[in-house]
N, C-alpha and C. Protein backbone atom coordinates (compact mmCIF):
# COMPACT_ATOMS: atom_id res chain seq x y z
N MET A 1 76.60 -18.43 25.40
CA MET A 1 75.53 -17.79 26.15
C MET A 1 74.29 -18.70 26.10
N LEU A 2 73.73 -18.94 27.27
CA LEU A 2 72.60 -19.86 27.42
C LEU A 2 71.38 -19.43 26.61
N ALA A 3 71.08 -18.14 26.60
CA ALA A 3 69.90 -17.67 25.85
C ALA A 3 70.02 -18.01 24.37
N ILE A 4 71.19 -17.81 23.80
CA ILE A 4 71.40 -18.12 22.38
C ILE A 4 71.26 -19.62 22.15
N ARG A 5 71.83 -20.42 23.03
CA ARG A 5 71.73 -21.88 22.90
C ARG A 5 70.27 -22.33 22.98
N ARG A 6 69.48 -21.70 23.84
CA ARG A 6 68.06 -22.04 23.94
C ARG A 6 67.33 -21.69 22.65
N LEU A 7 67.62 -20.53 22.10
CA LEU A 7 66.97 -20.13 20.86
C LEU A 7 67.37 -21.05 19.71
N ILE A 8 68.62 -21.46 19.66
CA ILE A 8 69.06 -22.41 18.63
C ILE A 8 68.35 -23.74 18.82
N ALA A 9 68.23 -24.20 20.06
CA ALA A 9 67.53 -25.46 20.35
C ALA A 9 66.08 -25.38 19.86
N TYR A 10 65.42 -24.25 20.13
CA TYR A 10 64.04 -24.07 19.67
C TYR A 10 63.98 -24.07 18.15
N GLY A 11 64.97 -23.44 17.52
CA GLY A 11 65.03 -23.43 16.06
C GLY A 11 65.19 -24.83 15.49
N ILE A 12 66.01 -25.64 16.13
CA ILE A 12 66.19 -27.03 15.70
C ILE A 12 64.87 -27.78 15.82
N ASP A 13 64.20 -27.62 16.96
CA ASP A 13 62.89 -28.27 17.15
C ASP A 13 61.91 -27.82 16.07
N PHE A 14 61.89 -26.52 15.80
CA PHE A 14 60.97 -25.98 14.80
C PHE A 14 61.25 -26.58 13.42
N ILE A 15 62.52 -26.67 13.05
CA ILE A 15 62.87 -27.23 11.73
C ILE A 15 62.45 -28.69 11.64
N ILE A 16 62.71 -29.46 12.68
CA ILE A 16 62.31 -30.87 12.70
C ILE A 16 60.80 -31.00 12.55
N LEU A 17 60.07 -30.24 13.37
CA LEU A 17 58.60 -30.31 13.33
C LEU A 17 58.07 -29.84 11.98
N ALA A 18 58.62 -28.77 11.44
CA ALA A 18 58.15 -28.24 10.15
C ALA A 18 58.37 -29.26 9.04
N MET A 19 59.53 -29.89 9.02
CA MET A 19 59.80 -30.89 7.97
C MET A 19 58.81 -32.04 8.05
N ILE A 20 58.56 -32.53 9.25
CA ILE A 20 57.65 -33.66 9.41
C ILE A 20 56.21 -33.25 9.10
N LEU A 21 55.74 -32.18 9.73
CA LEU A 21 54.33 -31.81 9.61
C LEU A 21 53.99 -31.27 8.22
N VAL A 22 54.86 -30.47 7.64
CA VAL A 22 54.61 -29.99 6.28
C VAL A 22 54.70 -31.17 5.31
N GLY A 23 55.63 -32.08 5.57
CA GLY A 23 55.72 -33.29 4.74
C GLY A 23 54.44 -34.09 4.77
N VAL A 24 53.88 -34.27 5.95
CA VAL A 24 52.60 -34.99 6.08
C VAL A 24 51.50 -34.24 5.34
N GLN A 25 51.47 -32.92 5.48
CA GLN A 25 50.46 -32.11 4.77
C GLN A 25 50.58 -32.30 3.26
N LEU A 26 51.80 -32.29 2.75
CA LEU A 26 52.01 -32.46 1.31
C LEU A 26 51.59 -33.85 0.85
N ILE A 27 51.91 -34.87 1.63
CA ILE A 27 51.50 -36.23 1.28
C ILE A 27 49.98 -36.34 1.24
N ILE A 28 49.32 -35.78 2.24
CA ILE A 28 47.85 -35.80 2.27
C ILE A 28 47.30 -35.07 1.05
N ASN A 29 47.91 -33.95 0.70
CA ASN A 29 47.46 -33.17 -0.46
C ASN A 29 47.61 -33.98 -1.75
N VAL A 30 48.72 -34.70 -1.88
CA VAL A 30 48.94 -35.53 -3.07
C VAL A 30 47.95 -36.69 -3.11
N ILE A 31 47.77 -37.36 -1.99
CA ILE A 31 46.85 -38.51 -1.92
C ILE A 31 45.42 -38.10 -2.27
N THR A 32 45.00 -36.94 -1.78
CA THR A 32 43.62 -36.49 -2.02
C THR A 32 43.50 -35.68 -3.31
N GLY A 33 44.60 -35.52 -4.03
CA GLY A 33 44.56 -34.71 -5.25
C GLY A 33 44.23 -33.26 -4.97
N GLY A 34 44.54 -32.80 -3.78
CA GLY A 34 44.25 -31.42 -3.39
C GLY A 34 42.82 -31.22 -2.97
N GLY A 35 42.02 -32.27 -3.00
CA GLY A 35 40.61 -32.16 -2.66
C GLY A 35 40.36 -31.74 -1.22
N LEU A 36 41.17 -32.24 -0.32
CA LEU A 36 40.97 -31.89 1.09
C LEU A 36 41.21 -30.41 1.32
N SER A 37 42.32 -29.89 0.78
CA SER A 37 42.60 -28.47 0.99
C SER A 37 41.57 -27.58 0.31
N ARG A 38 41.03 -28.02 -0.83
CA ARG A 38 39.97 -27.24 -1.50
C ARG A 38 38.67 -27.28 -0.71
N SER A 39 38.46 -28.34 0.07
CA SER A 39 37.21 -28.46 0.81
C SER A 39 37.19 -27.60 2.08
N LEU A 40 38.33 -27.12 2.49
CA LEU A 40 38.40 -26.28 3.70
C LEU A 40 38.09 -24.84 3.31
N GLN A 41 36.82 -24.48 3.37
CA GLN A 41 36.38 -23.19 2.86
C GLN A 41 36.02 -22.17 3.93
N SER A 42 36.02 -22.57 5.19
CA SER A 42 35.70 -21.59 6.23
C SER A 42 36.88 -21.48 7.18
N GLY A 43 36.95 -20.34 7.85
CA GLY A 43 38.02 -20.14 8.82
C GLY A 43 37.99 -21.19 9.91
N TRP A 44 36.79 -21.55 10.35
CA TRP A 44 36.67 -22.55 11.42
C TRP A 44 37.15 -23.92 10.96
N ALA A 45 36.85 -24.29 9.72
CA ALA A 45 37.31 -25.59 9.20
C ALA A 45 38.83 -25.60 9.06
N ILE A 46 39.39 -24.50 8.58
CA ILE A 46 40.85 -24.42 8.43
C ILE A 46 41.51 -24.43 9.80
N GLU A 47 40.96 -23.69 10.75
CA GLU A 47 41.50 -23.67 12.12
C GLU A 47 41.48 -25.06 12.74
N LEU A 48 40.39 -25.79 12.55
CA LEU A 48 40.31 -27.15 13.08
C LEU A 48 41.37 -28.04 12.43
N TRP A 49 41.53 -27.92 11.12
CA TRP A 49 42.54 -28.70 10.40
C TRP A 49 43.95 -28.37 10.92
N VAL A 50 44.24 -27.09 11.09
CA VAL A 50 45.55 -26.68 11.61
C VAL A 50 45.74 -27.17 13.03
N LEU A 51 44.69 -27.08 13.83
CA LEU A 51 44.77 -27.55 15.21
C LEU A 51 45.09 -29.04 15.28
N LEU A 52 44.41 -29.82 14.46
CA LEU A 52 44.60 -31.28 14.49
C LEU A 52 45.91 -31.74 13.86
N THR A 53 46.31 -31.08 12.77
CA THR A 53 47.47 -31.58 12.02
C THR A 53 48.78 -30.84 12.29
N MET A 54 48.70 -29.69 12.92
CA MET A 54 49.91 -28.92 13.21
C MET A 54 50.06 -28.67 14.71
N SER A 55 49.09 -27.99 15.30
CA SER A 55 49.22 -27.60 16.71
C SER A 55 49.28 -28.80 17.65
N ALA A 56 48.35 -29.73 17.53
CA ALA A 56 48.31 -30.87 18.45
C ALA A 56 49.61 -31.68 18.41
N PRO A 57 50.15 -32.01 17.24
CA PRO A 57 51.43 -32.74 17.24
C PRO A 57 52.57 -31.94 17.87
N VAL A 58 52.59 -30.63 17.67
CA VAL A 58 53.64 -29.80 18.27
C VAL A 58 53.50 -29.80 19.79
N TRP A 59 52.27 -29.67 20.27
CA TRP A 59 52.03 -29.72 21.72
C TRP A 59 52.49 -31.05 22.29
N VAL A 60 52.12 -32.14 21.63
CA VAL A 60 52.52 -33.48 22.10
C VAL A 60 54.04 -33.60 22.12
N TYR A 61 54.69 -33.13 21.08
CA TYR A 61 56.16 -33.18 21.00
C TYR A 61 56.80 -32.51 22.22
N PHE A 62 56.41 -31.26 22.48
CA PHE A 62 57.03 -30.54 23.59
C PHE A 62 56.64 -31.13 24.95
N ILE A 63 55.37 -31.40 25.15
CA ILE A 63 54.94 -31.93 26.45
C ILE A 63 55.57 -33.28 26.72
N TYR A 64 55.49 -34.19 25.76
CA TYR A 64 56.01 -35.54 25.98
C TYR A 64 57.52 -35.53 26.24
N LEU A 65 58.28 -34.90 25.36
CA LEU A 65 59.73 -34.93 25.50
C LEU A 65 60.22 -34.17 26.74
N GLU A 66 59.61 -33.05 27.04
CA GLU A 66 60.06 -32.30 28.22
C GLU A 66 59.65 -32.98 29.52
N TYR A 67 58.56 -33.73 29.49
CA TYR A 67 58.14 -34.47 30.68
C TYR A 67 58.93 -35.77 30.83
N ARG A 68 59.03 -36.54 29.77
CA ARG A 68 59.67 -37.86 29.84
C ARG A 68 61.20 -37.80 29.79
N LYS A 69 61.74 -36.92 28.97
CA LYS A 69 63.19 -36.89 28.75
C LYS A 69 63.87 -35.65 29.33
N GLN A 70 63.06 -34.68 29.77
CA GLN A 70 63.56 -33.40 30.29
C GLN A 70 64.26 -32.57 29.21
N GLN A 71 64.06 -32.96 27.95
CA GLN A 71 64.65 -32.20 26.86
C GLN A 71 64.03 -32.62 25.53
N THR A 72 63.92 -31.64 24.66
CA THR A 72 63.50 -31.92 23.29
C THR A 72 64.75 -32.32 22.49
N ILE A 73 64.57 -32.66 21.24
CA ILE A 73 65.72 -32.99 20.39
C ILE A 73 66.65 -31.78 20.29
N GLY A 74 66.07 -30.61 20.11
CA GLY A 74 66.89 -29.39 20.03
C GLY A 74 67.69 -29.16 21.30
N LYS A 75 67.07 -29.34 22.44
CA LYS A 75 67.79 -29.18 23.71
C LYS A 75 68.90 -30.23 23.84
N LYS A 76 68.61 -31.44 23.41
CA LYS A 76 69.63 -32.50 23.48
C LYS A 76 70.84 -32.14 22.63
N VAL A 77 70.59 -31.68 21.40
CA VAL A 77 71.68 -31.27 20.51
C VAL A 77 72.50 -30.14 21.14
N MET A 78 71.82 -29.21 21.79
CA MET A 78 72.50 -28.06 22.39
C MET A 78 72.97 -28.33 23.82
N LYS A 79 72.81 -29.58 24.28
CA LYS A 79 73.25 -29.99 25.62
C LYS A 79 72.58 -29.16 26.72
N LEU A 80 71.26 -29.09 26.62
CA LEU A 80 70.44 -28.38 27.60
C LEU A 80 69.45 -29.36 28.21
N ARG A 81 69.00 -29.03 29.41
CA ARG A 81 68.04 -29.89 30.10
C ARG A 81 67.05 -29.01 30.86
N LEU A 82 65.81 -29.45 30.89
CA LEU A 82 64.75 -28.76 31.63
C LEU A 82 64.63 -29.38 33.01
N GLU A 83 64.44 -28.54 34.01
CA GLU A 83 64.23 -29.04 35.37
C GLU A 83 63.39 -28.03 36.14
N THR A 84 62.94 -28.44 37.32
CA THR A 84 62.23 -27.50 38.19
C THR A 84 63.25 -26.54 38.80
N ILE A 85 62.76 -25.49 39.40
CA ILE A 85 63.63 -24.53 40.07
C ILE A 85 64.47 -25.23 41.14
N GLU A 86 63.91 -26.28 41.74
CA GLU A 86 64.61 -27.03 42.78
C GLU A 86 65.60 -28.05 42.21
N GLY A 87 65.64 -28.19 40.89
CA GLY A 87 66.57 -29.12 40.26
C GLY A 87 66.01 -30.52 40.04
N HIS A 88 64.69 -30.68 40.16
CA HIS A 88 64.05 -31.99 39.97
C HIS A 88 63.48 -32.11 38.56
N PRO A 89 63.18 -33.34 38.12
CA PRO A 89 62.50 -33.52 36.83
C PRO A 89 61.13 -32.85 36.85
N VAL A 90 60.71 -32.32 35.71
CA VAL A 90 59.40 -31.66 35.65
C VAL A 90 58.28 -32.69 35.67
N LYS A 91 57.15 -32.28 36.20
CA LYS A 91 55.96 -33.12 36.22
C LYS A 91 55.14 -32.83 34.96
N LEU A 92 54.18 -33.70 34.69
CA LEU A 92 53.35 -33.55 33.49
C LEU A 92 52.64 -32.20 33.45
N GLY A 93 52.06 -31.78 34.57
CA GLY A 93 51.37 -30.49 34.62
C GLY A 93 52.30 -29.33 34.33
N GLN A 94 53.53 -29.43 34.79
CA GLN A 94 54.51 -28.38 34.51
C GLN A 94 54.87 -28.34 33.03
N ALA A 95 55.06 -29.51 32.44
CA ALA A 95 55.36 -29.56 31.00
C ALA A 95 54.19 -29.00 30.20
N PHE A 96 52.96 -29.31 30.63
CA PHE A 96 51.77 -28.81 29.93
C PHE A 96 51.67 -27.28 30.04
N SER A 97 51.77 -26.74 31.26
CA SER A 97 51.61 -25.30 31.43
C SER A 97 52.74 -24.53 30.75
N ARG A 98 53.93 -25.10 30.76
CA ARG A 98 55.07 -24.48 30.09
C ARG A 98 54.81 -24.40 28.58
N THR A 99 54.31 -25.48 28.01
CA THR A 99 54.01 -25.52 26.58
C THR A 99 52.86 -24.56 26.25
N LEU A 100 51.86 -24.50 27.11
CA LEU A 100 50.73 -23.58 26.90
C LEU A 100 51.22 -22.15 26.74
N VAL A 101 52.07 -21.71 27.66
CA VAL A 101 52.56 -20.33 27.60
C VAL A 101 53.54 -20.15 26.44
N LYS A 102 54.40 -21.14 26.22
CA LYS A 102 55.41 -21.04 25.16
C LYS A 102 54.75 -20.91 23.78
N LEU A 103 53.70 -21.68 23.54
CA LEU A 103 53.08 -21.70 22.21
C LEU A 103 51.90 -20.73 22.07
N LEU A 104 51.63 -19.95 23.10
CA LEU A 104 50.54 -18.97 23.03
C LEU A 104 50.66 -18.04 21.82
N PRO A 105 51.82 -17.45 21.54
CA PRO A 105 51.90 -16.58 20.35
C PRO A 105 51.58 -17.33 19.05
N TRP A 106 52.02 -18.57 18.96
CA TRP A 106 51.78 -19.38 17.77
C TRP A 106 50.28 -19.62 17.59
N GLU A 107 49.61 -19.99 18.68
CA GLU A 107 48.16 -20.26 18.60
C GLU A 107 47.38 -18.98 18.32
N LEU A 108 47.78 -17.88 18.95
CA LEU A 108 47.11 -16.60 18.67
C LEU A 108 47.26 -16.20 17.21
N THR A 109 48.42 -16.46 16.64
CA THR A 109 48.63 -16.16 15.22
C THR A 109 47.64 -16.92 14.36
N HIS A 110 47.47 -18.22 14.64
CA HIS A 110 46.49 -19.02 13.88
C HIS A 110 45.09 -18.42 14.01
N ILE A 111 44.72 -18.09 15.22
CA ILE A 111 43.37 -17.55 15.46
C ILE A 111 43.18 -16.23 14.72
N PHE A 112 44.15 -15.32 14.84
CA PHE A 112 44.00 -14.00 14.22
C PHE A 112 44.04 -14.07 12.70
N ILE A 113 44.75 -15.03 12.14
CA ILE A 113 44.82 -15.16 10.68
C ILE A 113 43.59 -15.88 10.12
N LEU A 114 43.06 -16.84 10.87
CA LEU A 114 42.02 -17.72 10.31
C LEU A 114 40.60 -17.41 10.74
N LEU A 115 40.41 -16.75 11.87
CA LEU A 115 39.04 -16.59 12.39
C LEU A 115 38.62 -15.13 12.43
N PRO A 116 37.36 -14.82 12.19
CA PRO A 116 36.31 -15.74 11.78
C PRO A 116 36.44 -16.19 10.33
N GLU A 117 37.14 -15.38 9.52
CA GLU A 117 37.42 -15.77 8.14
C GLU A 117 38.90 -15.56 7.87
N PRO A 118 39.51 -16.41 7.06
CA PRO A 118 40.93 -16.25 6.76
C PRO A 118 41.24 -14.90 6.12
N TRP A 119 42.42 -14.40 6.41
CA TRP A 119 42.87 -13.13 5.85
C TRP A 119 42.67 -13.06 4.35
N TRP A 120 42.99 -14.11 3.66
CA TRP A 120 42.99 -14.07 2.19
C TRP A 120 41.58 -13.97 1.61
N PHE A 121 40.55 -14.13 2.43
CA PHE A 121 39.18 -13.91 1.96
C PHE A 121 38.90 -12.42 1.80
N HIS A 122 39.58 -11.59 2.59
CA HIS A 122 39.38 -10.14 2.58
C HIS A 122 40.73 -9.43 2.69
N PRO A 123 41.55 -9.49 1.64
CA PRO A 123 42.90 -8.92 1.74
C PRO A 123 42.92 -7.40 1.92
N GLU A 124 41.82 -6.75 1.62
CA GLU A 124 41.79 -5.30 1.74
C GLU A 124 41.61 -4.83 3.19
N LYS A 125 41.19 -5.74 4.07
CA LYS A 125 40.97 -5.37 5.47
C LYS A 125 42.23 -5.66 6.29
N PRO A 126 42.85 -4.62 6.85
CA PRO A 126 44.04 -4.87 7.67
C PRO A 126 43.65 -5.56 8.99
N ASN A 127 44.50 -6.44 9.44
CA ASN A 127 44.25 -7.14 10.70
C ASN A 127 45.38 -6.80 11.66
N TYR A 128 45.13 -5.80 12.48
CA TYR A 128 46.16 -5.34 13.40
C TYR A 128 46.35 -6.26 14.60
N LEU A 129 45.46 -7.21 14.77
CA LEU A 129 45.60 -8.14 15.89
C LEU A 129 46.87 -8.98 15.79
N ILE A 130 47.41 -9.13 14.59
CA ILE A 130 48.62 -9.94 14.42
C ILE A 130 49.80 -9.33 15.18
N TYR A 131 49.72 -8.05 15.51
CA TYR A 131 50.80 -7.44 16.28
C TYR A 131 50.87 -7.97 17.71
N ILE A 132 49.77 -8.49 18.21
CA ILE A 132 49.74 -9.01 19.58
C ILE A 132 50.69 -10.20 19.75
N PRO A 133 50.56 -11.28 18.94
CA PRO A 133 51.52 -12.37 19.11
C PRO A 133 52.96 -11.96 18.81
N ASN A 134 53.14 -11.03 17.88
CA ASN A 134 54.50 -10.55 17.60
C ASN A 134 55.08 -9.82 18.81
N ALA A 135 54.26 -9.05 19.50
CA ALA A 135 54.72 -8.38 20.73
C ALA A 135 55.07 -9.40 21.80
N PHE A 136 54.26 -10.46 21.91
CA PHE A 136 54.57 -11.53 22.86
C PHE A 136 55.94 -12.14 22.56
N ILE A 137 56.22 -12.40 21.30
CA ILE A 137 57.50 -13.02 20.92
C ILE A 137 58.67 -12.11 21.33
N LEU A 138 58.54 -10.81 21.08
CA LEU A 138 59.59 -9.87 21.48
C LEU A 138 59.75 -9.85 23.00
N LEU A 139 58.63 -9.86 23.71
CA LEU A 139 58.67 -9.89 25.18
C LEU A 139 59.34 -11.17 25.68
N TYR A 140 58.98 -12.30 25.08
CA TYR A 140 59.59 -13.58 25.46
C TYR A 140 61.10 -13.53 25.28
N ALA A 141 61.55 -13.04 24.13
CA ALA A 141 62.98 -12.98 23.84
C ALA A 141 63.70 -12.03 24.80
N ALA A 142 63.11 -10.86 25.04
CA ALA A 142 63.72 -9.89 25.96
C ALA A 142 63.86 -10.48 27.36
N PHE A 143 62.83 -11.17 27.82
CA PHE A 143 62.87 -11.77 29.16
C PHE A 143 63.94 -12.86 29.22
N LEU A 144 64.05 -13.65 28.18
CA LEU A 144 65.04 -14.72 28.14
C LEU A 144 66.46 -14.14 28.27
N PHE A 145 66.73 -13.06 27.55
CA PHE A 145 68.05 -12.44 27.65
C PHE A 145 68.25 -11.75 29.00
N TRP A 146 67.19 -11.19 29.55
CA TRP A 146 67.27 -10.53 30.86
C TRP A 146 67.66 -11.53 31.95
N THR A 147 67.18 -12.77 31.84
CA THR A 147 67.51 -13.81 32.84
C THR A 147 68.77 -14.57 32.45
N LYS A 148 69.49 -14.08 31.46
CA LYS A 148 70.71 -14.73 30.96
C LYS A 148 70.45 -16.16 30.50
N GLY A 149 69.22 -16.39 30.04
CA GLY A 149 68.87 -17.67 29.43
C GLY A 149 68.36 -18.74 30.37
N THR A 150 68.42 -18.52 31.68
CA THR A 150 67.99 -19.58 32.59
C THR A 150 66.48 -19.77 32.59
N ARG A 151 65.73 -18.67 32.41
CA ARG A 151 64.28 -18.78 32.45
C ARG A 151 63.65 -17.92 31.38
N GLY A 152 62.64 -18.49 30.73
CA GLY A 152 61.81 -17.74 29.81
C GLY A 152 60.50 -17.42 30.52
N LEU A 153 59.69 -16.57 29.93
CA LEU A 153 58.38 -16.28 30.54
C LEU A 153 57.57 -17.55 30.73
N HIS A 154 57.74 -18.49 29.82
CA HIS A 154 57.00 -19.75 29.90
C HIS A 154 57.53 -20.66 31.02
N ASP A 155 58.62 -20.28 31.67
CA ASP A 155 59.14 -21.04 32.81
C ASP A 155 58.58 -20.53 34.14
N LEU A 156 57.99 -19.34 34.16
CA LEU A 156 57.55 -18.74 35.42
C LEU A 156 56.39 -19.49 36.06
N ILE A 157 55.33 -19.73 35.30
CA ILE A 157 54.14 -20.39 35.86
C ILE A 157 54.45 -21.81 36.34
N PRO A 158 55.13 -22.64 35.54
CA PRO A 158 55.40 -24.00 36.01
C PRO A 158 56.57 -24.11 36.99
N GLY A 159 57.33 -23.03 37.17
CA GLY A 159 58.47 -23.10 38.08
C GLY A 159 59.60 -23.95 37.54
N THR A 160 59.96 -23.70 36.27
CA THR A 160 61.01 -24.48 35.62
C THR A 160 62.16 -23.58 35.19
N ARG A 161 63.24 -24.23 34.81
CA ARG A 161 64.40 -23.52 34.26
C ARG A 161 65.13 -24.47 33.32
N VAL A 162 65.96 -23.90 32.47
CA VAL A 162 66.78 -24.69 31.56
C VAL A 162 68.23 -24.51 31.99
N VAL A 163 68.93 -25.64 32.07
CA VAL A 163 70.33 -25.61 32.49
C VAL A 163 71.19 -26.36 31.47
N SER A 164 72.47 -26.07 31.50
CA SER A 164 73.42 -26.82 30.66
C SER A 164 73.64 -28.19 31.27
N GLN A 165 73.86 -29.18 30.42
CA GLN A 165 74.13 -30.53 30.93
C GLN A 165 75.57 -30.66 31.33
């Protein structure tokens, strides 16, 4: 089933990115003796750090590979390819808008957890906003299965689809 293969491909991409980016974070922490992480004392500083060291590389990964290669590493492993609805290679703007919508729940999670102050500064205050990105994820998955895996919600705006190779 195409939807399952797409989710597995995304999982592969996530594991690759997590290993690299968390590895870099750990190396930086060791090099600085933990000083850098201790210096991030405001939600805005932590959000900027996450944006620069986690979000931006993930965005570049998806945009670059889906634009240049029509597939991420996960899609390649699962023998999937991204194309326009007409069957053509995606353009840079399409890869960008697709990534924007795809990673919206991830970015909202960072914002809701970190801003204006990180959750752990006030653990007694519930933050119900976190349900919003979780609802998006459920909606994304439901739509993917509804289209039998050919299109996710993030494929609608750029006019793209994923096909088997």
